[in-house]
Every structure is written in structure tokens, then in C-alpha cells.
Amino acid sequence: MENKEEKIYESEASQADDDFWIEQGRKMLADSLDAVLEGAKSLLTGLGLVISVYLGILGFADFIPKYSFILIKALFILPLLIWLYAVRFCLRVIMTNDLSLNPFSPDEIRKRYENLLREKEEYLVSGFRFLSAGLIFTIFLFILRIYLK
């Protein structure tokens, strides 16, 4: 008979609610990819609203100074370009990836899942950063517009 050694991990002593927290960790891991996808959809909704409001301001409020250099007028288009880049990142989160993997290899599945989740989280964070950068640049443009009046 073969003597197999049991692998024992170093950890703190068990607590009464350890099983509950282990189950919560499993739920968090299982729901994490869906949460990232929902975050990207929400960010896309917010981006659509921000872009619509900004286009409305540009089109109806006579926001771009009429008597200024063409370069200054071009600055007012930059927030739209920044937000379009944010849209690109959000779409990268939502897009499906080729998941050709061995369904009988837990290690491969775990690695692919972790890499996919990490990649999509990075895209989501990048989308949020570009949304924020566009908003900050828009505030700068509002201040500039007041100054150029």
C-alpha cells in the first residue's frame, strides 16, 4: 500500500464562521466576471449621457469662442476624442474572447479565468480613467471659455 502524505497548509486556527466566509469568497469569485461586465455597461451608459450633454452644449449653447485661433477651437473637440477612447475600452470589456481550452484541465481553466478577469478589469479601469480625464479637461475648457469671453 502506498503511503501518501497529506498536504497541510499553514493557517490560523479555525473560527466558527470560517465556512461562511469561504462560501462568500467562492460567490465573489464566481460573480466577479459578471460584475466587471455590468460595470462596463454602466460606464457605457454614463459615457453616452456625458457625450450627449457635451454635444448639446457645443451645438446649442454657442460654447466655442467665435473669435479665437483654430487651435483653441480644436481643443473643444478633445473631450469627445478622450471619451470615445473610453468607449473603446468599455467595448473591449464586453467583447467576447476566444476561449479554446481543455474543459478537463482545472489548472488551465483557472489560469484562463484569472487572466481574462484581470484583462477585463484593466480595460474597465482604463475606461473609467479616460472618462475622468475627459471630465477634467472639460472643466478646464469651461474655465478657458470664461476667460476668453
C-alpha atoms as a PDB file:
ATOM      1  CA  MET A   1       0.000   0.000   0.000  1.00  0.00           C
ATOM      2  CA  GLU A   2       1.309   3.393  -0.988  1.00  0.00           C
ATOM      3  CA  ASN A   3       1.753   5.964   1.777  1.00  0.00           C
ATOM      4  CA  LYS A   4       0.501   9.352   0.540  1.00  0.00           C
ATOM      5  CA  GLU A   5       1.359  12.390   2.592  1.00  0.00           C
ATOM      6  CA  GLU A   6      -1.469  14.774   3.281  1.00  0.00           C
ATOM      7  CA  LYS A   7      -0.658  18.358   2.359  1.00  0.00           C
ATOM      8  CA  ILE A   8      -1.198  20.647   5.331  1.00  0.00           C
ATOM      9  CA  TYR A   9      -1.337  24.410   4.836  1.00  0.00           C
ATOM     10  CA  GLU A  10      -0.169  26.831   7.471  1.00  0.00           C
ATOM     11  CA  SER A  11      -3.068  28.950   8.610  1.00  0.00           C
ATOM     12  CA  GLU A  12      -4.662  30.411  11.675  1.00  0.00           C
ATOM     13  CA  ALA A  13      -6.851  28.293  13.893  1.00  0.00           C
ATOM     14  CA  SER A  14     -10.362  27.748  12.566  1.00  0.00           C
ATOM     15  CA  GLN A  15     -13.108  30.138  13.572  1.00  0.00           C
ATOM     16  CA  ALA A  16     -16.788  29.297  13.938  1.00  0.00           C
ATOM     17  CA  ASP A  17     -17.747  31.276  10.828  1.00  0.00           C
ATOM     18  CA  ASP A  18     -14.919  30.123   8.518  1.00  0.00           C
ATOM     19  CA  ASP A  19     -17.253  28.069   6.324  1.00  0.00           C
ATOM     20  CA  PHE A  20     -19.463  31.103   5.809  1.00  0.00           C
ATOM     21  CA  TRP A  21     -16.521  33.263   4.681  1.00  0.00           C
ATOM     22  CA  ILE A  22     -15.159  30.545   2.408  1.00  0.00           C
ATOM     23  CA  GLU A  23     -18.580  30.353   0.738  1.00  0.00           C
ATOM     24  CA  GLN A  24     -18.637  34.161   0.400  1.00  0.00           C
ATOM     25  CA  GLY A  25     -15.220  34.032  -1.274  1.00  0.00           C
ATOM     26  CA  ARG A  26     -16.480  31.423  -3.740  1.00  0.00           C
ATOM     27  CA  LYS A  27     -19.505  33.578  -4.568  1.00  0.00           C
ATOM     28  CA  MET A  28     -17.305  36.649  -5.061  1.00  0.00           C
ATOM     29  CA  LEU A  29     -15.041  34.744  -7.412  1.00  0.00           C
ATOM     30  CA  ALA A  30     -17.958  33.270  -9.358  1.00  0.00           C
ATOM     31  CA  ASP A  31     -19.693  36.661  -9.713  1.00  0.00           C
ATOM     32  CA  SER A  32     -16.598  38.759 -10.418  1.00  0.00           C
ATOM     33  CA  LEU A  33     -16.629  38.497 -14.214  1.00  0.00           C
ATOM     34  CA  ASP A  34     -20.334  39.362 -14.363  1.00  0.00           C
ATOM     35  CA  ALA A  35     -19.712  42.344 -12.084  1.00  0.00           C
ATOM     36  CA  VAL A  36     -16.966  43.641 -14.379  1.00  0.00           C
ATOM     37  CA  LEU A  37     -19.253  43.265 -17.409  1.00  0.00           C
ATOM     38  CA  GLU A  38     -22.072  45.108 -15.640  1.00  0.00           C
ATOM     39  CA  GLY A  39     -19.625  47.838 -14.647  1.00  0.00           C
ATOM     40  CA  ALA A  40     -18.612  48.277 -18.281  1.00  0.00           C
ATOM     41  CA  LYS A  41     -22.253  48.501 -19.369  1.00  0.00           C
ATOM     42  CA  SER A  42     -22.951  51.117 -16.698  1.00  0.00           C
ATOM     43  CA  LEU A  43     -19.869  53.072 -17.693  1.00  0.00           C
ATOM     44  CA  LEU A  44     -21.000  52.988 -21.322  1.00  0.00           C
ATOM     45  CA  THR A  45     -24.380  54.363 -20.280  1.00  0.00           C
ATOM     46  CA  GLY A  46     -22.694  57.167 -18.356  1.00  0.00           C
ATOM     47  CA  LEU A  47     -20.375  57.911 -21.262  1.00  0.00           C
ATOM     48  CA  GLY A  48     -23.336  58.125 -23.625  1.00  0.00           C
ATOM     49  CA  LEU A  49     -25.029  60.612 -21.321  1.00  0.00           C
ATOM     50  CA  VAL A  50     -21.896  62.734 -20.881  1.00  0.00           C
ATOM     51  CA  ILE A  51     -21.190  62.777 -24.620  1.00  0.00           C
ATOM     52  CA  SER A  52     -24.807  63.733 -25.393  1.00  0.00           C
ATOM     53  CA  VAL A  53     -24.787  66.585 -22.889  1.00  0.00           C
ATOM     54  CA  TYR A  54     -21.439  67.851 -24.152  1.00  0.00           C
ATOM     55  CA  LEU A  55     -22.565  67.725 -27.789  1.00  0.00           C
ATOM     56  CA  GLY A  56     -25.709  69.608 -26.763  1.00  0.00           C
ATOM     57  CA  ILE A  57     -23.606  72.286 -25.097  1.00  0.00           C
ATOM     58  CA  LEU A  58     -21.353  72.579 -28.146  1.00  0.00           C
ATOM     59  CA  GLY A  59     -24.261  72.700 -30.575  1.00  0.00           C
ATOM     60  CA  PHE A  60     -26.828  74.856 -28.841  1.00  0.00           C
ATOM     61  CA  ALA A  61     -25.042  76.995 -26.283  1.00  0.00           C
ATOM     62  CA  ASP A  62     -22.609  78.742 -28.597  1.00  0.00           C
ATOM     63  CA  PHE A  63     -19.892  77.424 -26.333  1.00  0.00           C
ATOM     64  CA  ILE A  64     -16.895  77.501 -28.699  1.00  0.00           C
ATOM     65  CA  PRO A  65     -15.451  81.037 -28.880  1.00  0.00           C
ATOM     66  CA  LYS A  66     -16.075  82.512 -32.332  1.00  0.00           C
ATOM     67  CA  TYR A  67     -13.108  84.858 -32.398  1.00  0.00           C
ATOM     68  CA  SER A  68     -10.204  82.650 -31.437  1.00  0.00           C
ATOM     69  CA  PHE A  69      -7.493  80.669 -33.142  1.00  0.00           C
ATOM     70  CA  ILE A  70      -8.402  77.419 -34.852  1.00  0.00           C
ATOM     71  CA  LEU A  71      -6.181  75.547 -32.379  1.00  0.00           C
ATOM     72  CA  ILE A  72      -8.248  76.807 -29.451  1.00  0.00           C
ATOM     73  CA  LYS A  73     -11.431  75.812 -31.268  1.00  0.00           C
ATOM     74  CA  ALA A  74      -9.967  72.349 -31.842  1.00  0.00           C
ATOM     75  CA  LEU A  75      -9.392  71.958 -28.087  1.00  0.00           C
ATOM     76  CA  PHE A  76     -13.153  71.756 -27.611  1.00  0.00           C
ATOM     77  CA  ILE A  77     -13.248  68.531 -29.645  1.00  0.00           C
ATOM     78  CA  LEU A  78     -10.637  66.782 -27.468  1.00  0.00           C
ATOM     79  CA  PRO A  79     -13.046  65.684 -24.686  1.00  0.00           C
ATOM     80  CA  LEU A  80     -15.084  63.826 -27.297  1.00  0.00           C
ATOM     81  CA  LEU A  81     -11.989  62.012 -28.526  1.00  0.00           C
ATOM     82  CA  ILE A  82     -10.981  61.130 -24.975  1.00  0.00           C
ATOM     83  CA  TRP A  83     -14.465  59.787 -24.234  1.00  0.00           C
ATOM     84  CA  LEU A  84     -14.509  57.795 -27.458  1.00  0.00           C
ATOM     85  CA  TYR A  85     -11.326  56.148 -26.292  1.00  0.00           C
ATOM     86  CA  ALA A  86     -13.111  55.333 -23.006  1.00  0.00           C
ATOM     87  CA  VAL A  87     -15.934  53.778 -25.041  1.00  0.00           C
ATOM     88  CA  ARG A  88     -13.344  51.650 -26.836  1.00  0.00           C
ATOM     89  CA  PHE A  89     -12.063  50.271 -23.517  1.00  0.00           C
ATOM     90  CA  CYS A  90     -15.590  49.514 -22.302  1.00  0.00           C
ATOM     91  CA  LEU A  91     -16.346  47.668 -25.518  1.00  0.00           C
ATOM     92  CA  ARG A  92     -13.163  45.630 -25.032  1.00  0.00           C
ATOM     93  CA  VAL A  93     -14.575  44.504 -21.679  1.00  0.00           C
ATOM     94  CA  ILE A  94     -17.891  43.471 -23.210  1.00  0.00           C
ATOM     95  CA  MET A  95     -16.439  41.763 -26.282  1.00  0.00           C
ATOM     96  CA  THR A  96     -16.146  38.007 -26.008  1.00  0.00           C
ATOM     97  CA  ASN A  97     -12.763  36.341 -26.261  1.00  0.00           C
ATOM     98  CA  ASP A  98     -11.783  33.086 -27.899  1.00  0.00           C
ATOM     99  CA  LEU A  99     -11.914  30.618 -25.024  1.00  0.00           C
ATOM    100  CA  SER A 100     -10.489  27.494 -26.574  1.00  0.00           C
ATOM    101  CA  LEU A 101      -9.354  25.483 -23.590  1.00  0.00           C
ATOM    102  CA  ASN A 102      -9.277  21.961 -22.294  1.00  0.00           C
ATOM    103  CA  PRO A 103     -12.501  21.512 -20.288  1.00  0.00           C
ATOM    104  CA  PHE A 104     -10.872  18.718 -18.253  1.00  0.00           C
ATOM    105  CA  SER A 105      -7.913  20.771 -17.005  1.00  0.00           C
ATOM    106  CA  PRO A 106      -8.748  22.733 -13.839  1.00  0.00           C
ATOM    107  CA  ASP A 107      -5.340  24.441 -13.852  1.00  0.00           C
ATOM    108  CA  GLU A 108      -5.787  25.705 -17.411  1.00  0.00           C
ATOM    109  CA  ILE A 109      -9.352  26.835 -16.700  1.00  0.00           C
ATOM    110  CA  ARG A 110      -8.246  28.690 -13.550  1.00  0.00           C
ATOM    111  CA  LYS A 111      -5.364  30.417 -15.346  1.00  0.00           C
ATOM    112  CA  ARG A 112      -7.546  31.434 -18.294  1.00  0.00           C
ATOM    113  CA  TYR A 113     -10.276  32.718 -15.975  1.00  0.00           C
ATOM    114  CA  GLU A 114      -7.824  34.714 -13.852  1.00  0.00           C
ATOM    115  CA  ASN A 115      -6.122  36.190 -16.934  1.00  0.00           C
ATOM    116  CA  LEU A 116      -9.451  37.037 -18.565  1.00  0.00           C
ATOM    117  CA  LEU A 117     -10.755  38.675 -15.402  1.00  0.00           C
ATOM    118  CA  ARG A 118      -7.539  40.644 -14.877  1.00  0.00           C
ATOM    119  CA  GLU A 119      -7.536  41.830 -18.512  1.00  0.00           C
ATOM    120  CA  LYS A 120     -11.177  42.930 -18.415  1.00  0.00           C
ATOM    121  CA  GLU A 121     -10.689  44.699 -15.076  1.00  0.00           C
ATOM    122  CA  GLU A 122      -7.740  46.627 -16.533  1.00  0.00           C
ATOM    123  CA  TYR A 123      -9.852  47.677 -19.530  1.00  0.00           C
ATOM    124  CA  LEU A 124     -12.649  48.808 -17.217  1.00  0.00           C
ATOM    125  CA  VAL A 125     -10.276  50.849 -15.066  1.00  0.00           C
ATOM    126  CA  SER A 126      -8.755  52.397 -18.207  1.00  0.00           C
ATOM    127  CA  GLY A 127     -12.222  53.316 -19.456  1.00  0.00           C
ATOM    128  CA  PHE A 128     -13.002  54.996 -16.144  1.00  0.00           C
ATOM    129  CA  ARG A 129      -9.705  56.880 -16.227  1.00  0.00           C
ATOM    130  CA  PHE A 130     -10.419  58.204 -19.715  1.00  0.00           C
ATOM    131  CA  LEU A 131     -13.932  59.230 -18.664  1.00  0.00           C
ATOM    132  CA  SER A 132     -12.419  61.107 -15.720  1.00  0.00           C
ATOM    133  CA  ALA A 133      -9.710  62.684 -17.870  1.00  0.00           C
ATOM    134  CA  GLY A 134     -12.340  63.922 -20.316  1.00  0.00           C
ATOM    135  CA  LEU A 135     -14.369  65.434 -17.488  1.00  0.00           C
ATOM    136  CA  ILE A 136     -11.317  67.166 -16.018  1.00  0.00           C
ATOM    137  CA  PHE A 137     -10.386  68.514 -19.444  1.00  0.00           C
ATOM    138  CA  THR A 138     -13.971  69.730 -19.900  1.00  0.00           C
ATOM    139  CA  ILE A 139     -13.762  71.666 -16.627  1.00  0.00           C
ATOM    140  CA  PHE A 140     -10.548  73.220 -17.918  1.00  0.00           C
ATOM    141  CA  LEU A 141     -12.372  74.199 -21.122  1.00  0.00           C
ATOM    142  CA  PHE A 142     -15.211  75.791 -19.162  1.00  0.00           C
ATOM    143  CA  ILE A 143     -12.674  77.886 -17.263  1.00  0.00           C
ATOM    144  CA  LEU A 144     -10.921  78.749 -20.528  1.00  0.00           C
ATOM    145  CA  ARG A 145     -14.242  79.721 -22.099  1.00  0.00           C
ATOM    146  CA  ILE A 146     -14.991  82.102 -19.220  1.00  0.00           C
ATOM    147  CA  TYR A 147     -11.537  83.633 -19.641  1.00  0.00           C
ATOM    148  CA  LEU A 148     -11.925  84.052 -23.427  1.00  0.00           C
ATOM    149  CA  LYS A 149     -15.298  85.763 -23.153  1.00  0.00           C
END
